[in-house]
Amino acid sequence: MLKLKHPSCLLCVGASQCGKTTVIRQIIAQKAYDYEFKNIIWSYKAFQEWFIKEKGIKFVEGLLERFESDSLYIFDDYLHSLDEKFHSYSLSLRIILE
């Protein structure tokens, strides 16, 4: 079984509708981390129906201002927003993650 370390950064990248959200949900459901998170927080831009039935995840619209080290954060579909914002200025965008 897959075991992920905490703290870490995981990038899930793929084409639209390829199953990225499903993979992340499976990782959460399988408790694939070597750490028991106090909170799981899913930050989203567009509400999805499955949010209503999901247990154990706090769903927050928009980006957060503060973070806690004992929580798992999922940022759903924000890269495209950044790209659109910078595209209107005719700039190139590079993102470096640690």
PDB file of N, CA and C in Angstrom:
ATOM      1  N   MET A   1       0.837  -1.190   0.000  1.00  0.00           N
ATOM      2  CA  MET A   1       0.000   0.000   0.000  1.00  0.00           C
ATOM      3  C   MET A   1       0.878   1.249   0.000  1.00  0.00           C
ATOM      4  N   LEU A   2       0.460   2.244  -0.698  1.00  0.00           N
ATOM      5  CA  LEU A   2       1.152   3.519  -0.794  1.00  0.00           C
ATOM      6  C   LEU A   2       1.169   4.218   0.562  1.00  0.00           C
ATOM      7  N   LYS A   3       2.350   4.684   1.007  1.00  0.00           N
ATOM      8  CA  LYS A   3       2.456   5.470   2.239  1.00  0.00           C
ATOM      9  C   LYS A   3       3.155   6.785   1.909  1.00  0.00           C
ATOM     10  N   LEU A   4       2.475   7.874   2.190  1.00  0.00           N
ATOM     11  CA  LEU A   4       3.007   9.207   1.932  1.00  0.00           C
ATOM     12  C   LEU A   4       3.504   9.820   3.233  1.00  0.00           C
ATOM     13  N   LYS A   5       4.554  10.609   3.130  1.00  0.00           N
ATOM     14  CA  LYS A   5       5.153  11.265   4.291  1.00  0.00           C
ATOM     15  C   LYS A   5       4.477  12.601   4.569  1.00  0.00           C
ATOM     16  N   HIS A   6       4.501  12.990   5.831  1.00  0.00           N
ATOM     17  CA  HIS A   6       4.054  14.321   6.252  1.00  0.00           C
ATOM     18  C   HIS A   6       5.214  14.966   6.994  1.00  0.00           C
ATOM     19  N   PRO A   7       5.586  16.182   6.663  1.00  0.00           N
ATOM     20  CA  PRO A   7       5.017  17.078   5.643  1.00  0.00           C
ATOM     21  C   PRO A   7       5.540  16.731   4.248  1.00  0.00           C
ATOM     22  N   SER A   8       4.752  17.049   3.257  1.00  0.00           N
ATOM     23  CA  SER A   8       5.132  16.814   1.866  1.00  0.00           C
ATOM     24  C   SER A   8       4.225  17.613   0.944  1.00  0.00           C
ATOM     25  N   CYS A   9       4.586  17.609  -0.320  1.00  0.00           N
ATOM     26  CA  CYS A   9       3.769  18.258  -1.341  1.00  0.00           C
ATOM     27  C   CYS A   9       3.517  17.231  -2.433  1.00  0.00           C
ATOM     28  N   LEU A  10       2.274  17.025  -2.773  1.00  0.00           N
ATOM     29  CA  LEU A  10       1.909  16.080  -3.819  1.00  0.00           C
ATOM     30  C   LEU A  10       1.190  16.859  -4.909  1.00  0.00           C
ATOM     31  N   LEU A  11       1.638  16.690  -6.123  1.00  0.00           N
ATOM     32  CA  LEU A  11       1.017  17.354  -7.267  1.00  0.00           C
ATOM     33  C   LEU A  11       0.272  16.300  -8.076  1.00  0.00           C
ATOM     34  N   CYS A  12      -0.990  16.503  -8.312  1.00  0.00           N
ATOM     35  CA  CYS A  12      -1.802  15.591  -9.118  1.00  0.00           C
ATOM     36  C   CYS A  12      -2.184  16.351 -10.389  1.00  0.00           C
ATOM     37  N   VAL A  13      -1.575  15.952 -11.494  1.00  0.00           N
ATOM     38  CA  VAL A  13      -1.719  16.691 -12.746  1.00  0.00           C
ATOM     39  C   VAL A  13      -2.269  15.761 -13.822  1.00  0.00           C
ATOM     40  N   GLY A  14      -3.181  16.279 -14.618  1.00  0.00           N
ATOM     41  CA  GLY A  14      -3.719  15.496 -15.723  1.00  0.00           C
ATOM     42  C   GLY A  14      -4.753  16.297 -16.482  1.00  0.00           C
ATOM     43  N   ALA A  15      -5.197  15.726 -17.561  1.00  0.00           N
ATOM     44  CA  ALA A  15      -6.200  16.384 -18.399  1.00  0.00           C
ATOM     45  C   ALA A  15      -7.528  16.490 -17.654  1.00  0.00           C
ATOM     46  N   SER A  16      -8.373  17.370 -18.117  1.00  0.00           N
ATOM     47  CA  SER A  16      -9.699  17.543 -17.537  1.00  0.00           C
ATOM     48  C   SER A  16     -10.470  16.223 -17.575  1.00  0.00           C
ATOM     49  N   GLN A  17     -11.135  15.901 -16.472  1.00  0.00           N
ATOM     50  CA  GLN A  17     -11.972  14.702 -16.361  1.00  0.00           C
ATOM     51  C   GLN A  17     -11.191  13.383 -16.420  1.00  0.00           C
ATOM     52  N   CYS A  18      -9.894  13.403 -16.085  1.00  0.00           N
ATOM     53  CA  CYS A  18      -9.111  12.162 -16.157  1.00  0.00           C
ATOM     54  C   CYS A  18      -9.096  11.390 -14.839  1.00  0.00           C
ATOM     55  N   GLY A  19      -9.647  11.975 -13.761  1.00  0.00           N
ATOM     56  CA  GLY A  19      -9.714  11.254 -12.495  1.00  0.00           C
ATOM     57  C   GLY A  19      -8.821  11.784 -11.389  1.00  0.00           C
ATOM     58  N   LYS A  20      -8.334  13.000 -11.521  1.00  0.00           N
ATOM     59  CA  LYS A  20      -7.454  13.580 -10.490  1.00  0.00           C
ATOM     60  C   LYS A  20      -8.152  13.653  -9.134  1.00  0.00           C
ATOM     61  N   THR A  21      -9.364  14.140  -9.116  1.00  0.00           N
ATOM     62  CA  THR A  21     -10.121  14.249  -7.863  1.00  0.00           C
ATOM     63  C   THR A  21     -10.363  12.871  -7.267  1.00  0.00           C
ATOM     64  N   THR A  22     -10.672  11.902  -8.092  1.00  0.00           N
ATOM     65  CA  THR A  22     -10.892  10.534  -7.620  1.00  0.00           C
ATOM     66  C   THR A  22      -9.641   9.982  -6.952  1.00  0.00           C
ATOM     67  N   VAL A  23      -8.481  10.210  -7.544  1.00  0.00           N
ATOM     68  CA  VAL A  23      -7.218   9.740  -6.964  1.00  0.00           C
ATOM     69  C   VAL A  23      -6.992  10.369  -5.594  1.00  0.00           C
ATOM     70  N   ILE A  24      -7.191  11.671  -5.475  1.00  0.00           N
ATOM     71  CA  ILE A  24      -6.988  12.353  -4.193  1.00  0.00           C
ATOM     72  C   ILE A  24      -7.986  11.844  -3.161  1.00  0.00           C
ATOM     73  N   ARG A  25      -9.215  11.648  -3.545  1.00  0.00           N
ATOM     74  CA  ARG A  25     -10.224  11.107  -2.618  1.00  0.00           C
ATOM     75  C   ARG A  25      -9.840   9.704  -2.150  1.00  0.00           C
ATOM     76  N   GLN A  26      -9.292   8.890  -3.037  1.00  0.00           N
ATOM     77  CA  GLN A  26      -8.858   7.544  -2.661  1.00  0.00           C
ATOM     78  C   GLN A  26      -7.684   7.597  -1.690  1.00  0.00           C
ATOM     79  N   ILE A  27      -6.754   8.507  -1.916  1.00  0.00           N
ATOM     80  CA  ILE A  27      -5.615   8.668  -1.007  1.00  0.00           C
ATOM     81  C   ILE A  27      -6.112   9.023   0.387  1.00  0.00           C
ATOM     82  N   ILE A  28      -7.081   9.922   0.457  1.00  0.00           N
ATOM     83  CA  ILE A  28      -7.652  10.319   1.752  1.00  0.00           C
ATOM     84  C   ILE A  28      -8.385   9.136   2.392  1.00  0.00           C
ATOM     85  N   ALA A  29      -9.217   8.459   1.634  1.00  0.00           N
ATOM     86  CA  ALA A  29     -10.016   7.345   2.162  1.00  0.00           C
ATOM     87  C   ALA A  29      -9.141   6.195   2.655  1.00  0.00           C
ATOM     88  N   GLN A  30      -8.024   5.956   1.981  1.00  0.00           N
ATOM     89  CA  GLN A  30      -7.130   4.859   2.351  1.00  0.00           C
ATOM     90  C   GLN A  30      -6.160   5.236   3.465  1.00  0.00           C
ATOM     91  N   LYS A  31      -6.266   6.485   3.946  1.00  0.00           N
ATOM     92  CA  LYS A  31      -5.355   6.966   4.991  1.00  0.00           C
ATOM     93  C   LYS A  31      -3.905   6.644   4.612  1.00  0.00           C
ATOM     94  N   ALA A  32      -3.537   7.101   3.432  1.00  0.00           N
ATOM     95  CA  ALA A  32      -2.248   6.768   2.846  1.00  0.00           C
ATOM     96  C   ALA A  32      -1.072   7.537   3.448  1.00  0.00           C
ATOM     97  N   TYR A  33      -1.336   8.433   4.377  1.00  0.00           N
ATOM     98  CA  TYR A  33      -0.251   9.190   5.003  1.00  0.00           C
ATOM     99  C   TYR A  33       0.265   8.491   6.249  1.00  0.00           C
ATOM    100  N   ASP A  34       1.519   8.759   6.581  1.00  0.00           N
ATOM    101  CA  ASP A  34       2.134   8.213   7.791  1.00  0.00           C
ATOM    102  C   ASP A  34       1.807   9.084   9.009  1.00  0.00           C
ATOM    103  N   TYR A  35       0.727   9.833   8.918  1.00  0.00           N
ATOM    104  CA  TYR A  35       0.363  10.825   9.933  1.00  0.00           C
ATOM    105  C   TYR A  35      -1.161  10.908  10.014  1.00  0.00           C
ATOM    106  N   GLU A  36      -1.668  11.078  11.221  1.00  0.00           N
ATOM    107  CA  GLU A  36      -3.113  11.241  11.416  1.00  0.00           C
ATOM    108  C   GLU A  36      -3.420  12.739  11.469  1.00  0.00           C
ATOM    109  N   PHE A  37      -4.040  13.274  10.433  1.00  0.00           N
ATOM    110  CA  PHE A  37      -4.317  14.703  10.357  1.00  0.00           C
ATOM    111  C   PHE A  37      -5.462  15.096  11.278  1.00  0.00           C
ATOM    112  N   LYS A  38      -5.313  16.262  11.909  1.00  0.00           N
ATOM    113  CA  LYS A  38      -6.380  16.807  12.751  1.00  0.00           C
ATOM    114  C   LYS A  38      -7.557  17.241  11.876  1.00  0.00           C
ATOM    115  N   ASN A  39      -7.247  17.851  10.740  1.00  0.00           N
ATOM    116  CA  ASN A  39      -8.262  18.347   9.803  1.00  0.00           C
ATOM    117  C   ASN A  39      -7.848  18.023   8.374  1.00  0.00           C
ATOM    118  N   ILE A  40      -8.835  17.806   7.527  1.00  0.00           N
ATOM    119  CA  ILE A  40      -8.617  17.718   6.087  1.00  0.00           C
ATOM    120  C   ILE A  40      -9.459  18.832   5.483  1.00  0.00           C
ATOM    121  N   ILE A  41      -8.787  19.751   4.801  1.00  0.00           N
ATOM    122  CA  ILE A  41      -9.457  20.940   4.281  1.00  0.00           C
ATOM    123  C   ILE A  41      -9.310  20.975   2.762  1.00  0.00           C
ATOM    124  N   TRP A  42     -10.441  21.010   2.090  1.00  0.00           N
ATOM    125  CA  TRP A  42     -10.492  21.009   0.626  1.00  0.00           C
ATOM    126  C   TRP A  42     -10.926  22.399   0.177  1.00  0.00           C
ATOM    127  N   SER A  43      -9.999  23.129  -0.423  1.00  0.00           N
ATOM    128  CA  SER A  43     -10.263  24.480  -0.909  1.00  0.00           C
ATOM    129  C   SER A  43     -10.650  24.391  -2.389  1.00  0.00           C
ATOM    130  N   TYR A  44     -11.814  24.923  -2.723  1.00  0.00           N
ATOM    131  CA  TYR A  44     -12.340  24.752  -4.080  1.00  0.00           C
ATOM    132  C   TYR A  44     -12.786  26.081  -4.691  1.00  0.00           C
ATOM    133  N   LYS A  45     -12.889  26.074  -6.014  1.00  0.00           N
ATOM    134  CA  LYS A  45     -13.434  27.209  -6.763  1.00  0.00           C
ATOM    135  C   LYS A  45     -14.867  26.940  -7.173  1.00  0.00           C
ATOM    136  N   ALA A  46     -15.163  25.712  -7.522  1.00  0.00           N
ATOM    137  CA  ALA A  46     -16.496  25.343  -8.005  1.00  0.00           C
ATOM    138  C   ALA A  46     -17.059  24.223  -7.132  1.00  0.00           C
ATOM    139  N   PHE A  47     -18.236  24.457  -6.563  1.00  0.00           N
ATOM    140  CA  PHE A  47     -18.891  23.459  -5.718  1.00  0.00           C
ATOM    141  C   PHE A  47     -19.226  22.212  -6.533  1.00  0.00           C
ATOM    142  N   GLN A  48     -19.041  21.047  -5.923  1.00  0.00           N
ATOM    143  CA  GLN A  48     -19.376  19.776  -6.557  1.00  0.00           C
ATOM    144  C   GLN A  48     -20.356  19.021  -5.660  1.00  0.00           C
ATOM    145  N   GLU A  49     -21.285  18.323  -6.258  1.00  0.00           N
ATOM    146  CA  GLU A  49     -22.342  17.631  -5.508  1.00  0.00           C
ATOM    147  C   GLU A  49     -21.806  16.628  -4.495  1.00  0.00           C
ATOM    148  N   TRP A  50     -20.699  15.973  -4.800  1.00  0.00           N
ATOM    149  CA  TRP A  50     -20.191  14.953  -3.884  1.00  0.00           C
ATOM    150  C   TRP A  50     -19.727  15.547  -2.555  1.00  0.00           C
ATOM    151  N   PHE A  51     -19.488  16.857  -2.494  1.00  0.00           N
ATOM    152  CA  PHE A  51     -19.095  17.508  -1.233  1.00  0.00           C
ATOM    153  C   PHE A  51     -20.138  17.253  -0.137  1.00  0.00           C
ATOM    154  N   ILE A  52     -21.407  17.229  -0.514  1.00  0.00           N
ATOM    155  CA  ILE A  52     -22.506  17.103   0.449  1.00  0.00           C
ATOM    156  C   ILE A  52     -22.416  15.793   1.231  1.00  0.00           C
ATOM    157  N   LYS A  53     -22.069  14.716   0.560  1.00  0.00           N
ATOM    158  CA  LYS A  53     -22.051  13.390   1.183  1.00  0.00           C
ATOM    159  C   LYS A  53     -20.719  13.046   1.847  1.00  0.00           C
ATOM    160  N   GLU A  54     -19.679  13.772   1.521  1.00  0.00           N
ATOM    161  CA  GLU A  54     -18.339  13.440   2.018  1.00  0.00           C
ATOM    162  C   GLU A  54     -18.218  13.738   3.508  1.00  0.00           C
ATOM    163  N   LYS A  55     -17.725  12.782   4.239  1.00  0.00           N
ATOM    164  CA  LYS A  55     -17.534  12.931   5.687  1.00  0.00           C
ATOM    165  C   LYS A  55     -16.046  13.110   5.993  1.00  0.00           C
ATOM    166  N   GLY A  56     -15.763  13.907   6.993  1.00  0.00           N
ATOM    167  CA  GLY A  56     -14.389  14.054   7.461  1.00  0.00           C
ATOM    168  C   GLY A  56     -13.557  15.085   6.722  1.00  0.00           C
ATOM    169  N   ILE A  57     -14.163  15.785   5.780  1.00  0.00           N
ATOM    170  CA  ILE A  57     -13.448  16.821   5.028  1.00  0.00           C
ATOM    171  C   ILE A  57     -14.202  18.130   5.193  1.00  0.00           C
ATOM    172  N   LYS A  58     -13.463  19.182   5.503  1.00  0.00           N
ATOM    173  CA  LYS A  58     -14.056  20.523   5.574  1.00  0.00           C
ATOM    174  C   LYS A  58     -13.839  21.190   4.215  1.00  0.00           C
ATOM    175  N   PHE A  59     -14.926  21.606   3.580  1.00  0.00           N
ATOM    176  CA  PHE A  59     -14.851  22.243   2.269  1.00  0.00           C
ATOM    177  C   PHE A  59     -14.938  23.754   2.428  1.00  0.00           C
ATOM    178  N   VAL A  60     -13.981  24.451   1.799  1.00  0.00           N
ATOM    179  CA  VAL A  60     -13.885  25.901   1.915  1.00  0.00           C
ATOM    180  C   VAL A  60     -13.790  26.498   0.515  1.00  0.00           C
ATOM    181  N   GLU A  61     -14.673  27.442   0.220  1.00  0.00           N
ATOM    182  CA  GLU A  61     -14.611  28.111  -1.079  1.00  0.00           C
ATOM    183  C   GLU A  61     -13.542  29.191  -1.032  1.00  0.00           C
ATOM    184  N   GLY A  62     -12.624  29.162  -1.995  1.00  0.00           N
ATOM    185  CA  GLY A  62     -11.566  30.164  -2.074  1.00  0.00           C
ATOM    186  C   GLY A  62     -10.302  29.746  -1.345  1.00  0.00           C
ATOM    187  N   LEU A  63      -9.267  30.528  -1.548  1.00  0.00           N
ATOM    188  CA  LEU A  63      -7.978  30.248  -0.910  1.00  0.00           C
ATOM    189  C   LEU A  63      -7.980  30.712   0.537  1.00  0.00           C
ATOM    190  N   LEU A  64      -7.279  29.984   1.356  1.00  0.00           N
ATOM    191  CA  LEU A  64      -7.222  30.272   2.788  1.00  0.00           C
ATOM    192  C   LEU A  64      -6.157  31.314   3.105  1.00  0.00           C
ATOM    193  N   GLU A  65      -6.319  31.961   4.234  1.00  0.00           N
ATOM    194  CA  GLU A  65      -5.356  32.960   4.702  1.00  0.00           C
ATOM    195  C   GLU A  65      -4.361  32.368   5.698  1.00  0.00           C
ATOM    196  N   ARG A  66      -4.834  31.377   6.497  1.00  0.00           N
ATOM    197  CA  ARG A  66      -3.992  30.789   7.546  1.00  0.00           C
ATOM    198  C   ARG A  66      -3.970  29.270   7.409  1.00  0.00           C
ATOM    199  N   PHE A  67      -2.873  28.690   7.905  1.00  0.00           N
ATOM    200  CA  PHE A  67      -2.699  27.247   7.808  1.00  0.00           C
ATOM    201  C   PHE A  67      -2.201  26.680   9.128  1.00  0.00           C
ATOM    202  N   GLU A  68      -2.550  25.428   9.395  1.00  0.00           N
ATOM    203  CA  GLU A  68      -2.092  24.716  10.581  1.00  0.00           C
ATOM    204  C   GLU A  68      -1.267  23.516  10.132  1.00  0.00           C
ATOM    205  N   SER A  69      -0.182  23.237  10.849  1.00  0.00           N
ATOM    206  CA  SER A  69       0.739  22.180  10.432  1.00  0.00           C
ATOM    207  C   SER A  69       0.163  20.776  10.583  1.00  0.00           C
ATOM    208  N   ASP A  70      -0.869  20.612  11.388  1.00  0.00           N
ATOM    209  CA  ASP A  70      -1.428  19.275  11.603  1.00  0.00           C
ATOM    210  C   ASP A  70      -2.643  18.993  10.719  1.00  0.00           C
ATOM    211  N   SER A  71      -2.761  19.735   9.621  1.00  0.00           N
ATOM    212  CA  SER A  71      -3.893  19.567   8.704  1.00  0.00           C
ATOM    213  C   SER A  71      -3.404  19.223   7.302  1.00  0.00           C
ATOM    214  N   LEU A  72      -4.253  18.535   6.564  1.00  0.00           N
ATOM    215  CA  LEU A  72      -4.002  18.238   5.162  1.00  0.00           C
ATOM    216  C   LEU A  72      -4.830  19.216   4.333  1.00  0.00           C
ATOM    217  N   TYR A  73      -4.181  19.882   3.381  1.00  0.00           N
ATOM    218  CA  TYR A  73      -4.855  20.871   2.537  1.00  0.00           C
ATOM    219  C   TYR A  73      -4.861  20.397   1.089  1.00  0.00           C
ATOM    220  N   ILE A  74      -6.005  20.498   0.460  1.00  0.00           N
ATOM    221  CA  ILE A  74      -6.145  20.199  -0.958  1.00  0.00           C
ATOM    222  C   ILE A  74      -6.618  21.481  -1.634  1.00  0.00           C
ATOM    223  N   PHE A  75      -5.877  21.916  -2.648  1.00  0.00           N
ATOM    224  CA  PHE A  75      -6.247  23.106  -3.416  1.00  0.00           C
ATOM    225  C   PHE A  75      -6.693  22.629  -4.791  1.00  0.00           C
ATOM    226  N   ASP A  76      -7.977  22.709  -5.041  1.00  0.00           N
ATOM    227  CA  ASP A  76      -8.585  22.109  -6.220  1.00  0.00           C
ATOM    228  C   ASP A  76      -8.741  23.116  -7.356  1.00  0.00           C
ATOM    229  N   ASP A  77      -7.937  22.926  -8.407  1.00  0.00           N
ATOM    230  CA  ASP A  77      -8.094  23.641  -9.674  1.00  0.00           C
ATOM    231  C   ASP A  77      -7.771  25.134  -9.614  1.00  0.00           C
ATOM    232  N   TYR A  78      -6.740  25.502  -8.889  1.00  0.00           N
ATOM    233  CA  TYR A  78      -6.353  26.910  -8.824  1.00  0.00           C
ATOM    234  C   TYR A  78      -5.269  27.283  -9.828  1.00  0.00           C
ATOM    235  N   LEU A  79      -4.555  26.321 -10.356  1.00  0.00           N
ATOM    236  CA  LEU A  79      -3.490  26.615 -11.306  1.00  0.00           C
ATOM    237  C   LEU A  79      -4.041  27.313 -12.543  1.00  0.00           C
ATOM    238  N   HIS A  80      -5.190  26.855 -13.029  1.00  0.00           N
ATOM    239  CA  HIS A  80      -5.804  27.464 -14.216  1.00  0.00           C
ATOM    240  C   HIS A  80      -6.162  28.931 -13.947  1.00  0.00           C
ATOM    241  N   SER A  81      -6.603  29.234 -12.747  1.00  0.00           N
ATOM    242  CA  SER A  81      -6.947  30.617 -12.392  1.00  0.00           C
ATOM    243  C   SER A  81      -5.728  31.515 -12.468  1.00  0.00           C
ATOM    244  N   LEU A  82      -4.620  31.017 -11.967  1.00  0.00           N
ATOM    245  CA  LEU A  82      -3.387  31.799 -12.040  1.00  0.00           C
ATOM    246  C   LEU A  82      -2.982  32.012 -13.489  1.00  0.00           C
ATOM    247  N   ASP A  83      -3.074  30.951 -14.288  1.00  0.00           N
ATOM    248  CA  ASP A  83      -2.713  31.039 -15.693  1.00  0.00           C
ATOM    249  C   ASP A  83      -3.579  32.065 -16.416  1.00  0.00           C
ATOM    250  N   GLU A  84      -4.886  32.052 -16.165  1.00  0.00           N
ATOM    251  CA  GLU A  84      -5.788  33.019 -16.801  1.00  0.00           C
ATOM    252  C   GLU A  84      -5.437  34.445 -16.403  1.00  0.00           C
ATOM    253  N   LYS A  85      -5.147  34.636 -15.135  1.00  0.00           N
ATOM    254  CA  LYS A  85      -4.826  35.975 -14.641  1.00  0.00           C
ATOM    255  C   LYS A  85      -3.570  36.518 -15.318  1.00  0.00           C
ATOM    256  N   PHE A  86      -2.529  35.693 -15.391  1.00  0.00           N
ATOM    257  CA  PHE A  86      -1.288  36.154 -15.984  1.00  0.00           C
ATOM    258  C   PHE A  86      -1.380  36.237 -17.499  1.00  0.00           C
ATOM    259  N   HIS A  87      -2.191  35.380 -18.111  1.00  0.00           N
ATOM    260  CA  HIS A  87      -2.346  35.395 -19.559  1.00  0.00           C
ATOM    261  C   HIS A  87      -2.903  36.737 -20.038  1.00  0.00           C
ATOM    262  N   SER A  88      -3.791  37.333 -19.272  1.00  0.00           N
ATOM    263  CA  SER A  88      -4.379  38.612 -19.671  1.00  0.00           C
ATOM    264  C   SER A  88      -3.341  39.733 -19.694  1.00  0.00           C
ATOM    265  N   TYR A  89      -2.204  39.510 -19.023  1.00  0.00           N
ATOM    266  CA  TYR A  89      -1.122  40.497 -19.020  1.00  0.00           C
ATOM    267  C   TYR A  89      -0.022  40.134 -20.015  1.00  0.00           C
ATOM    268  N   SER A  90      -0.220  39.084 -20.791  1.00  0.00           N
ATOM    269  CA  SER A  90       0.781  38.588 -21.747  1.00  0.00           C
ATOM    270  C   SER A  90       2.105  38.277 -21.058  1.00  0.00           C
ATOM    271  N   LEU A  91       2.020  37.617 -19.922  1.00  0.00           N
ATOM    272  CA  LEU A  91       3.198  37.210 -19.171  1.00  0.00           C
ATOM    273  C   LEU A  91       3.331  35.699 -19.217  1.00  0.00           C
ATOM    274  N   SER A  92       4.530  35.212 -18.937  1.00  0.00           N
ATOM    275  CA  SER A  92       4.743  33.779 -18.776  1.00  0.00           C
ATOM    276  C   SER A  92       4.710  33.458 -17.295  1.00  0.00           C
ATOM    277  N   LEU A  93       4.149  32.326 -16.965  1.00  0.00           N
ATOM    278  CA  LEU A  93       3.998  31.939 -15.566  1.00  0.00           C
ATOM    279  C   LEU A  93       4.758  30.649 -15.309  1.00  0.00           C
ATOM    280  N   ARG A  94       5.579  30.636 -14.283  1.00  0.00           N
ATOM    281  CA  ARG A  94       6.276  29.438 -13.819  1.00  0.00           C
ATOM    282  C   ARG A  94       5.976  29.295 -12.346  1.00  0.00           C
ATOM    283  N   ILE A  95       5.723  28.095 -11.923  1.00  0.00           N
ATOM    284  CA  ILE A  95       5.419  27.856 -10.517  1.00  0.00           C
ATOM    285  C   ILE A  95       6.466  26.910  -9.953  1.00  0.00           C
ATOM    286  N   ILE A  96       7.049  27.306  -8.834  1.00  0.00           N
ATOM    287  CA  ILE A  96       8.032  26.482  -8.139  1.00  0.00           C
ATOM    288  C   ILE A  96       7.409  26.048  -6.825  1.00  0.00           C
ATOM    289  N   LEU A  97       7.406  24.755  -6.581  1.00  0.00           N
ATOM    290  CA  LEU A  97       6.824  24.217  -5.353  1.00  0.00           C
ATOM    291  C   LEU A  97       7.903  23.555  -4.519  1.00  0.00           C
ATOM    292  N   GLU A  98       7.729  23.610  -3.229  1.00  0.00           N
ATOM    293  CA  GLU A  98       8.682  22.972  -2.329  1.00  0.00           C
ATOM    294  C   GLU A  98       7.961  22.001  -1.438  1.00  0.00           C
TER     295      GLU A  98
END
